[in-house]
Amino acid sequence: METIIILALVFVFVAMRLYSVLGRRTGHEQPIAKPVEAQPKPAPVARSSADLPSQPISAEPAIDARANEGIRAIVAADPNFDVTAFLGGAQAAYRMILEAFWKGDQEELGRLTDDGVREDFAEAIRQREEAGEVLDNRLISIERAVIERARLDGQMASITVRFDADIAAITRDAEGNVVAGSLSDAVPTHDVWTFSRHVRADDPNWILIETDEAA
């Protein structure tokens, strides 16, 4: 219970600092390299369903059936893990990472992503700055956040979340002229981000390790 309270406080603290998160997808300004393909993918959990606890999984549509076994494995390794708290934090991270990228805040990105994702964001920011372009994007809403996959590889947990969101995007040149996009029309965006955390770590925060566009 104490760990859950600490997690909640951390999420509130992080949300107050920036509020909005992860590698391939960055909005609707201009295409950038998709960072995830260079990332090593966590190995699948070598467990059978018989080895997992019979703890019930939430009936909420926020968890895809394919993720149930992985969620059970994570809960078995970390009984304080809370799906609702995780999804709340993932949505806050989604917003924070996107906003940090749009603003070119590499320091904030470094706190929320692993090295591979951070480097890809940094390269996209560098290219944007060289072109003299500025993003004026807005995350209008996150319509849905669903855990699609989950796994435990040793002590490393990874959870993949699909975000269905509406983003208003506009790109301006150095003089402030609009060169692409529109803030009057929100564009549906579908991203798949993977977060990871060592289940025995004192730090309760999950780090973004992979991003992709939803199929």
Foldseek 3Di string as FASTA:
>chain_A
DVVLVVLVVVLVVLCVVAFAAFAQDQAPEDHFHGQFVVFDDFDFAPDDLVPFDPDDDDPDQQEDPQAVSQVRVLCVLAVPDDPVSVQSSVGRHRYRHSVCLLQVPLVSLPVAAPPRRSVRSNVVSVVCVVQQKHKDKDFPFFPGKHFYHWHQRPQKIKTKIKTWTWMFIFMAGNVRHTDDTGNVGTDTFIKIWMWMDRSPDPDPDTHTYGIDGDD
